[in-house]
C-alpha atoms as a PDB file:
ATOM      1  CA  MET A   1    -113.349 -66.224  35.043  1.00  0.00           C
ATOM      2  CA  GLU A   2    -114.525 -66.360  38.734  1.00  0.00           C
ATOM      3  CA  GLU A   3    -116.757 -69.428  39.565  1.00  0.00           C
ATOM      4  CA  GLN A   4    -120.412 -69.105  39.981  1.00  0.00           C
ATOM      5  CA  SER A   5    -120.223 -70.640  43.601  1.00  0.00           C
ATOM      6  CA  SER A   6    -117.655 -68.005  44.771  1.00  0.00           C
ATOM      7  CA  LYS A   7    -119.431 -64.975  43.527  1.00  0.00           C
ATOM      8  CA  ILE A   8    -121.779 -63.498  45.987  1.00  0.00           C
ATOM      9  CA  PHE A   9    -123.285 -60.647  44.898  1.00  0.00           C
ATOM     10  CA  ARG A  10    -125.046 -59.870  41.578  1.00  0.00           C
ATOM     11  CA  ASN A  11    -124.401 -56.563  39.824  1.00  0.00           C
ATOM     12  CA  VAL A  12    -127.500 -54.514  40.885  1.00  0.00           C
ATOM     13  CA  ASP A  13    -125.849 -51.563  39.592  1.00  0.00           C
ATOM     14  CA  LYS A  14    -127.262 -52.379  36.342  1.00  0.00           C
ATOM     15  CA  TYR A  15    -130.641 -52.761  37.926  1.00  0.00           C
ATOM     16  CA  SER A  16    -133.188 -49.996  37.689  1.00  0.00           C
ATOM     17  CA  THR A  17    -133.356 -47.625  40.198  1.00  0.00           C
ATOM     18  CA  THR A  18    -137.050 -48.728  40.672  1.00  0.00           C
ATOM     19  CA  ARG A  19    -135.876 -52.206  40.991  1.00  0.00           C
ATOM     20  CA  GLN A  20    -132.900 -51.138  43.283  1.00  0.00           C
ATOM     21  CA  LYS A  21    -135.219 -49.354  45.740  1.00  0.00           C
ATOM     22  CA  GLU A  22    -137.621 -52.566  45.892  1.00  0.00           C
ATOM     23  CA  LEU A  23    -134.457 -54.218  47.131  1.00  0.00           C
ATOM     24  CA  ILE A  24    -133.369 -52.173  49.758  1.00  0.00           C
ATOM     25  CA  LYS A  25    -136.919 -51.804  50.933  1.00  0.00           C
ATOM     26  CA  ALA A  26    -136.900 -55.906  51.250  1.00  0.00           C
ATOM     27  CA  ILE A  27    -133.587 -55.899  53.020  1.00  0.00           C
ATOM     28  CA  GLU A  28    -134.728 -53.151  55.241  1.00  0.00           C
ATOM     29  CA  LYS A  29    -138.388 -54.924  55.783  1.00  0.00           C
ATOM     30  CA  ILE A  30    -136.341 -58.519  57.544  1.00  0.00           C
ATOM     31  CA  ASN A  31    -133.729 -56.228  59.099  1.00  0.00           C
ATOM     32  CA  TRP A  32    -136.214 -54.148  61.064  1.00  0.00           C
ATOM     33  CA  ASP A  33    -134.891 -55.302  64.087  1.00  0.00           C
ATOM     34  CA  THR A  34    -131.286 -54.971  63.633  1.00  0.00           C
ATOM     35  CA  ASN A  35    -128.853 -52.017  63.788  1.00  0.00           C
ATOM     36  CA  TYR A  36    -127.665 -52.961  60.283  1.00  0.00           C
ATOM     37  CA  ASN A  37    -128.496 -50.809  57.219  1.00  0.00           C
ATOM     38  CA  PRO A  38    -129.292 -52.778  54.160  1.00  0.00           C
ATOM     39  CA  ASN A  39    -125.250 -52.165  53.036  1.00  0.00           C
ATOM     40  CA  GLU A  40    -123.976 -53.642  56.278  1.00  0.00           C
ATOM     41  CA  PHE A  41    -126.535 -56.204  56.303  1.00  0.00           C
ATOM     42  CA  LEU A  42    -125.028 -57.569  52.930  1.00  0.00           C
ATOM     43  CA  GLU A  43    -121.827 -57.313  54.420  1.00  0.00           C
ATOM     44  CA  LEU A  44    -122.279 -60.063  56.572  1.00  0.00           C
ATOM     45  CA  LEU A  45    -122.951 -62.641  53.678  1.00  0.00           C
ATOM     46  CA  LYS A  46    -119.129 -62.040  53.036  1.00  0.00           C
ATOM     47  CA  ASP A  47    -117.947 -63.710  56.172  1.00  0.00           C
ATOM     48  CA  ASN A  48    -115.948 -66.678  54.955  1.00  0.00           C
ATOM     49  CA  SER A  49    -115.543 -67.963  58.181  1.00  0.00           C
ATOM     50  CA  GLU A  50    -118.066 -70.516  59.690  1.00  0.00           C
ATOM     51  CA  SER A  51    -119.220 -68.117  61.520  1.00  0.00           C
ATOM     52  CA  THR A  52    -122.910 -67.768  62.914  1.00  0.00           C
ATOM     53  CA  ARG A  53    -123.192 -64.299  61.158  1.00  0.00           C
ATOM     54  CA  LYS A  54    -123.386 -65.298  57.513  1.00  0.00           C
ATOM     55  CA  TYR A  55    -125.766 -67.730  58.178  1.00  0.00           C
ATOM     56  CA  TRP A  56    -128.125 -65.811  60.626  1.00  0.00           C
ATOM     57  CA  ALA A  57    -128.379 -63.203  57.404  1.00  0.00           C
ATOM     58  CA  LEU A  58    -129.256 -66.140  55.055  1.00  0.00           C
ATOM     59  CA  SER A  59    -131.937 -67.652  57.380  1.00  0.00           C
ATOM     60  CA  ARG A  60    -133.322 -63.938  57.427  1.00  0.00           C
ATOM     61  CA  MET A  61    -133.613 -63.495  53.690  1.00  0.00           C
ATOM     62  CA  VAL A  62    -134.946 -67.293  53.183  1.00  0.00           C
ATOM     63  CA  ASP A  63    -137.541 -66.610  55.957  1.00  0.00           C
ATOM     64  CA  GLY A  64    -138.512 -63.170  54.838  1.00  0.00           C
ATOM     65  CA  MET A  65    -137.931 -62.772  51.212  1.00  0.00           C
ATOM     66  CA  SER A  66    -139.503 -64.900  48.409  1.00  0.00           C
ATOM     67  CA  TYR A  67    -136.853 -66.594  46.196  1.00  0.00           C
ATOM     68  CA  ARG A  68    -137.125 -64.697  43.244  1.00  0.00           C
ATOM     69  CA  THR A  69    -136.074 -61.401  45.513  1.00  0.00           C
ATOM     70  CA  ILE A  70    -132.825 -63.585  47.041  1.00  0.00           C
ATOM     71  CA  ILE A  71    -131.672 -64.200  43.913  1.00  0.00           C
ATOM     72  CA  LYS A  72    -131.948 -60.919  42.533  1.00  0.00           C
ATOM     73  CA  LEU A  73    -129.372 -59.895  45.146  1.00  0.00           C
ATOM     74  CA  ILE A  74    -127.152 -62.789  45.258  1.00  0.00           C
ATOM     75  CA  THR A  75    -126.075 -65.288  42.842  1.00  0.00           C
ATOM     76  CA  PRO A  76    -127.851 -68.695  42.981  1.00  0.00           C
ATOM     77  CA  GLY A  77    -124.574 -70.425  43.425  1.00  0.00           C
ATOM     78  CA  PHE A  78    -123.793 -68.836  46.124  1.00  0.00           C
ATOM     79  CA  PHE A  79    -127.326 -69.064  47.670  1.00  0.00           C
ATOM     80  CA  LYS A  80    -126.998 -73.190  46.829  1.00  0.00           C
ATOM     81  CA  SER A  81    -123.650 -73.575  48.530  1.00  0.00           C
ATOM     82  CA  ASN A  82    -124.549 -71.893  51.598  1.00  0.00           C
ATOM     83  CA  LEU A  83    -128.449 -73.172  52.292  1.00  0.00           C
ATOM     84  CA  ASN A  84    -127.593 -75.955  54.918  1.00  0.00           C
ATOM     85  CA  GLU A  85    -128.660 -76.836  58.143  1.00  0.00           C
ATOM     86  CA  LYS A  86    -127.694 -73.897  59.911  1.00  0.00           C
ATOM     87  CA  VAL A  87    -129.921 -71.577  58.121  1.00  0.00           C
ATOM     88  CA  PHE A  88    -132.992 -73.450  58.501  1.00  0.00           C
ATOM     89  CA  SER A  89    -132.321 -74.230  62.169  1.00  0.00           C
ATOM     90  CA  SER A  90    -132.604 -70.620  62.905  1.00  0.00           C
ATOM     91  CA  ILE A  91    -136.098 -69.965  61.462  1.00  0.00           C
ATOM     92  CA  PHE A  92    -138.850 -70.265  64.496  1.00  0.00           C
ATOM     93  CA  PRO A  93    -141.688 -71.410  64.847  1.00  0.00           C
ATOM     94  CA  ALA A  94    -140.759 -75.210  63.738  1.00  0.00           C
ATOM     95  CA  ALA A  95    -143.998 -75.563  61.696  1.00  0.00           C
ATOM     96  CA  ARG A  96    -142.578 -72.285  59.132  1.00  0.00           C
ATOM     97  CA  GLN A  97    -138.838 -74.251  59.315  1.00  0.00           C
ATOM     98  CA  LYS A  98    -140.504 -77.116  57.748  1.00  0.00           C
ATOM     99  CA  SER A  99    -142.781 -75.380  55.371  1.00  0.00           C
ATOM    100  CA  ILE A 100    -139.360 -73.318  54.303  1.00  0.00           C
ATOM    101  CA  ARG A 101    -137.267 -76.306  53.784  1.00  0.00           C
ATOM    102  CA  PHE A 102    -139.709 -78.386  51.767  1.00  0.00           C
ATOM    103  CA  ALA A 103    -140.160 -75.220  49.353  1.00  0.00           C
ATOM    104  CA  TYR A 104    -136.558 -75.183  49.333  1.00  0.00           C
ATOM    105  CA  ARG A 105    -135.966 -78.511  48.690  1.00  0.00           C
ATOM    106  CA  LYS A 106    -138.671 -78.191  45.493  1.00  0.00           C
ATOM    107  CA  ILE A 107    -135.863 -76.176  44.214  1.00  0.00           C
ATOM    108  CA  TYR A 108    -132.487 -77.474  45.563  1.00  0.00           C
ATOM    109  CA  VAL A 109    -133.544 -81.365  44.984  1.00  0.00           C
ATOM    110  CA  LYS A 110    -130.056 -82.225  47.525  1.00  0.00           C
ATOM    111  CA  LEU A 111    -131.377 -80.193  50.621  1.00  0.00           C
END
């Protein structure tokens, strides 16, 4: 059985068509100014190296999506294990970064 933190994505194929469309729209909303389609955007999360691509994608998600929406796409274990300073430091302005950091501390006390 695969460990929770190593599994990245939820099985969205089991979601209703309406929910799947909502998730695609949420990705398109945070990704409006790039050339990535929703599938390409999610592929960035699979980057196992310490490159900035995965952290950039996560910072976009944290900055533009609700926690509930994020957790419908990716597993809580993957999210928690990859939510770090690289993600938070990519969020601007500083006041927004501070409020997001505070909110996620409430969710994940260790941050």
